[in-house]
Amino acid sequence: MMNATSVGEGAVLFQLGEVADERTHAAICALDEAIAAADITGVVEVVPALINLLVAFDPIQTDHGAVTAAIQALKPDVAASRTPQVHRVPVCYDPELCPDLLEVARLTNQSVEAVIAAHLGSEMRVEMYGFSPGYAYLRGLPQSIHLPRKPAAVRDIPKGSIIISGAQSLITTLTMPTGWWVIGRSGFDVIESDAPDPFVFKVGDRVVYERISRSELGV
């Protein structure tokens, strides 16, 4: 059952679950695809998130009630959803570029190589974009390297940093503060600035990490 809540003058928020799990994520992806295929009058943007999906519309063309009714009448088919694309992201784990790698190993009671192996062994799913342009939240880290956020954010974390917190990992797209743990560096660009659709990852896609050397990274 979808719970619909009107948001401002031009949006409706549809909640599809209570927790961010595979089932809820699959339902959100299926609904996203169904809305795109339906070409509902006035709908201008659909923003999937962890347990819900925001549908923005032009209030001159339609209203909350019409959008809600049109979307609740859809019959999303999870089984027929598109096959997710798998993206391979190169990561360098050089200690000079990964200021938190040793601390993550210490806090999780394992070796640095074990932390790296756990990170490389994960297959992440793209759950949402948020916070900053191109910040794709990826879920799927093994429990062995789960850590809460740091007590305070650290400034000037470089673009391309691979950061983790809890079950999530993220590739930073610009230099900025973060309270997540920095365990790698990548030259992978999540944003293609000249493309019609600039975000390389689509919600529902998968990401796997591949280890490279610092010389291969070119930093």
Protein backbone atom coordinates (compact mmCIF):
# COMPACT_ATOMS: atom_id res chain seq x y z
CA MET A 1 0.00 0.00 0.00
CA MET A 2 1.29 3.45 -0.92
CA ASN A 3 0.75 6.28 1.52
CA ALA A 4 0.46 9.61 -0.30
CA THR A 5 1.22 12.98 1.32
CA SER A 6 0.85 16.36 -0.39
CA VAL A 7 4.04 18.43 -0.28
CA GLY A 8 3.87 22.17 -0.92
CA GLU A 9 2.05 23.43 -4.02
CA GLY A 10 3.51 21.01 -6.51
CA ALA A 11 4.52 17.60 -5.18
CA VAL A 12 3.22 14.36 -3.68
CA LEU A 13 5.33 12.04 -1.53
CA PHE A 14 4.56 8.33 -1.87
CA GLN A 15 5.82 6.09 0.94
CA LEU A 16 6.32 2.44 0.01
CA GLY A 17 7.88 0.99 3.14
CA GLU A 18 9.09 1.51 6.68
CA VAL A 19 12.69 0.33 6.29
CA ALA A 20 15.30 0.61 3.53
CA ASP A 21 15.49 -3.00 2.36
CA GLU A 22 15.62 -4.87 -0.95
CA ARG A 23 11.85 -5.27 -1.16
CA THR A 24 11.13 -1.58 -0.63
CA HIS A 25 13.89 -0.59 -3.03
CA ALA A 26 12.50 -2.88 -5.75
CA ALA A 27 9.02 -1.43 -5.27
CA ILE A 28 10.36 2.13 -5.56
CA CYS A 29 12.25 1.31 -8.78
CA ALA A 30 9.18 -0.36 -10.28
CA LEU A 31 6.96 2.60 -9.43
CA ASP A 32 9.53 5.02 -10.84
CA GLU A 33 9.50 3.12 -14.15
CA ALA A 34 5.70 2.89 -14.18
CA ILE A 35 5.33 6.65 -13.69
CA ALA A 36 7.81 7.34 -16.51
CA ALA A 37 5.89 5.03 -18.85
CA ALA A 38 2.49 6.50 -17.91
CA ASP A 39 3.39 10.06 -19.02
CA ILE A 40 1.02 11.57 -16.45
CA THR A 41 -0.16 15.09 -17.27
CA GLY A 42 1.79 17.76 -15.39
CA VAL A 43 4.40 15.49 -13.81
CA VAL A 44 7.81 17.13 -14.24
CA GLU A 45 10.15 15.10 -12.01
CA VAL A 46 10.30 11.89 -10.01
CA VAL A 47 12.82 11.59 -7.17
CA PRO A 48 13.26 8.10 -5.68
CA ALA A 49 14.66 7.81 -2.14
CA LEU A 50 15.20 5.08 0.47
CA ILE A 51 11.61 4.33 1.46
CA ASN A 52 9.63 6.82 -0.61
CA LEU A 53 9.36 8.60 -3.92
CA LEU A 54 8.62 12.28 -4.53
CA VAL A 55 6.59 13.25 -7.59
CA ALA A 56 6.83 16.91 -8.56
CA PHE A 57 4.21 18.42 -10.87
CA ASP A 58 3.24 21.70 -12.52
CA PRO A 59 0.34 23.08 -10.44
CA ILE A 60 -0.93 25.02 -13.46
CA GLN A 61 -1.56 21.77 -15.32
CA THR A 62 -2.75 19.48 -12.52
CA ASP A 63 -3.17 19.14 -8.77
CA HIS A 64 -2.38 16.87 -5.84
CA GLY A 65 -5.55 14.85 -6.15
CA ALA A 66 -5.20 14.11 -9.84
CA VAL A 67 -1.55 13.13 -9.54
CA THR A 68 -2.23 10.93 -6.51
CA ALA A 69 -5.15 9.17 -8.21
CA ALA A 70 -3.20 8.59 -11.43
CA ILE A 71 -0.24 7.08 -9.61
CA GLN A 72 -2.28 4.96 -7.24
CA ALA A 73 -4.06 3.51 -10.29
CA LEU A 74 -0.77 2.26 -11.74
CA LYS A 75 0.20 -1.39 -11.40
CA PRO A 76 4.01 -1.46 -11.13
CA ASP A 77 5.52 -4.82 -12.01
CA VAL A 78 8.65 -5.51 -9.96
CA ALA A 79 9.39 -8.64 -11.97
CA ALA A 80 9.36 -6.69 -15.24
CA SER A 81 11.66 -3.90 -14.06
CA ARG A 82 14.71 -3.16 -16.17
CA THR A 83 17.87 -5.15 -15.64
CA PRO A 84 20.21 -2.98 -13.57
CA GLN A 85 23.47 -1.92 -15.18
CA VAL A 86 26.66 -2.93 -13.37
CA HIS A 87 29.30 -0.20 -13.06
CA ARG A 88 32.91 -1.04 -12.23
CA VAL A 89 34.57 1.65 -10.15
CA PRO A 90 38.38 1.63 -9.78
CA VAL A 91 39.59 2.37 -6.23
CA CYS A 92 43.06 3.10 -4.89
CA TYR A 93 43.65 2.21 -1.22
CA ASP A 94 47.02 3.97 -0.83
CA PRO A 95 47.27 5.00 2.87
CA GLU A 96 48.28 8.57 1.97
CA LEU A 97 45.01 9.01 0.10
CA CYS A 98 42.85 7.12 2.60
CA PRO A 99 43.20 8.89 5.96
CA ASP A 100 40.69 6.67 7.79
CA LEU A 101 41.69 3.24 6.54
CA LEU A 102 43.87 2.39 9.55
CA GLU A 103 41.26 3.65 12.00
CA VAL A 104 38.49 1.66 10.31
CA ALA A 105 40.65 -1.46 10.62
CA ARG A 106 41.31 -0.73 14.31
CA LEU A 107 37.66 -0.03 15.14
CA THR A 108 36.47 -3.19 13.37
CA ASN A 109 39.24 -5.37 14.87
CA GLN A 110 40.71 -6.53 11.60
CA SER A 111 43.63 -5.87 9.28
CA VAL A 112 43.72 -3.15 6.65
CA GLU A 113 43.78 -5.82 3.96
CA ALA A 114 40.67 -7.42 5.45
CA VAL A 115 38.84 -4.07 5.32
CA ILE A 116 39.90 -3.60 1.70
CA ALA A 117 38.83 -7.16 0.82
CA ALA A 118 35.42 -6.59 2.42
CA HIS A 119 34.94 -3.37 0.47
CA LEU A 120 36.05 -4.98 -2.80
CA GLY A 121 33.80 -7.98 -2.18
CA SER A 122 30.63 -5.95 -1.87
CA GLU A 123 28.12 -5.36 -4.66
CA MET A 124 26.43 -2.06 -3.99
CA ARG A 125 23.02 -0.96 -5.23
CA VAL A 126 22.29 2.66 -6.11
CA GLU A 127 19.47 3.70 -3.79
CA MET A 128 19.15 7.45 -4.28
CA TYR A 129 20.82 10.76 -5.04
CA GLY A 130 20.96 13.47 -2.42
CA PHE A 131 22.87 16.00 -0.31
CA SER A 132 25.10 17.32 -3.14
CA PRO A 133 25.15 17.02 -6.97
CA GLY A 134 25.99 13.48 -8.03
CA TYR A 135 26.06 12.08 -4.51
CA ALA A 136 24.77 8.57 -5.22
CA TYR A 137 24.04 6.66 -2.02
CA LEU A 138 25.13 3.04 -2.44
CA ARG A 139 24.04 0.28 -0.06
CA GLY A 140 25.52 -3.17 0.42
CA LEU A 141 28.64 -3.02 2.57
CA PRO A 142 29.25 -6.18 4.60
CA GLN A 143 28.51 -5.99 8.32
CA SER A 144 32.20 -6.45 9.11
CA ILE A 145 33.00 -2.86 8.10
CA HIS A 146 29.87 -1.10 9.33
CA LEU A 147 30.67 1.98 11.41
CA PRO A 148 28.53 4.93 12.50
CA ARG A 149 29.39 8.43 11.35
CA LYS A 150 32.26 10.25 13.03
CA PRO A 151 31.36 12.55 15.95
CA ALA A 152 32.29 15.57 13.82
CA ALA A 153 32.76 16.26 10.11
CA VAL A 154 36.22 16.76 8.61
CA ARG A 155 36.80 19.59 6.14
CA ASP A 156 38.25 19.50 2.63
CA ILE A 157 37.73 15.85 1.72
CA PRO A 158 38.83 15.66 -1.95
CA LYS A 159 36.65 14.86 -4.92
CA GLY A 160 36.76 11.15 -5.75
CA SER A 161 37.06 10.02 -2.13
CA ILE A 162 35.41 6.68 -1.35
CA ILE A 163 33.59 7.14 1.95
CA ILE A 164 31.60 4.71 4.09
CA SER A 165 29.11 4.82 6.94
CA GLY A 166 26.91 1.98 8.14
CA ALA A 167 25.91 -0.15 5.16
CA GLN A 168 26.49 2.69 2.71
CA SER A 169 29.32 3.88 0.50
CA LEU A 170 29.59 6.99 -1.64
CA ILE A 171 31.95 8.54 -4.21
CA THR A 172 32.38 12.25 -3.53
CA THR A 173 31.92 14.52 -6.54
CA LEU A 174 33.43 17.70 -5.10
CA THR A 175 35.68 18.79 -2.26
CA MET A 176 33.63 19.27 0.91
CA PRO A 177 33.30 18.24 4.57
CA THR A 178 32.07 14.80 5.60
CA GLY A 179 31.61 12.79 8.77
CA TRP A 180 31.93 9.51 6.85
CA TRP A 181 35.10 7.39 6.85
CA VAL A 182 37.50 7.90 3.92
CA ILE A 183 38.91 4.51 2.86
CA GLY A 184 39.74 4.97 -0.83
CA ARG A 185 40.17 7.30 -3.80
CA SER A 186 38.82 6.97 -7.33
CA GLY A 187 39.03 8.88 -10.57
CA PHE A 188 35.55 7.69 -11.57
CA ASP A 189 33.21 10.55 -12.53
CA VAL A 190 29.62 10.05 -11.38
CA ILE A 191 28.59 13.18 -13.31
CA GLU A 192 29.03 13.64 -17.07
CA SER A 193 28.50 17.39 -17.27
CA ASP A 194 27.89 17.53 -21.04
CA ALA A 195 25.44 14.64 -21.20
CA PRO A 196 21.64 15.17 -21.51
CA ASP A 197 21.28 13.00 -18.40
CA PRO A 198 24.44 13.87 -16.42
CA PHE A 199 24.20 11.16 -13.75
CA VAL A 200 26.06 7.99 -14.78
CA PHE A 201 24.31 5.79 -12.20
CA LYS A 202 20.59 5.16 -12.35
CA VAL A 203 18.70 4.29 -9.19
CA GLY A 204 18.62 0.50 -9.06
CA ASP A 205 21.99 0.04 -10.79
CA ARG A 206 24.79 -1.96 -9.18
CA VAL A 207 28.35 -0.86 -8.40
CA VAL A 208 31.38 -3.08 -7.84
CA TYR A 209 34.83 -1.87 -6.83
CA GLU A 210 38.12 -2.86 -8.48
CA ARG A 211 41.49 -2.23 -6.86
CA ILE A 212 44.08 -0.09 -8.66
CA SER A 213 47.49 1.27 -7.71
CA ARG A 214 48.31 4.90 -7.04
CA SER A 215 50.21 5.07 -10.32
CA GLU A 216 47.12 3.84 -12.15
CA LEU A 217 45.07 6.49 -10.38
CA GLY A 218 47.57 9.11 -11.47
CA VAL A 219 47.65 11.06 -8.18
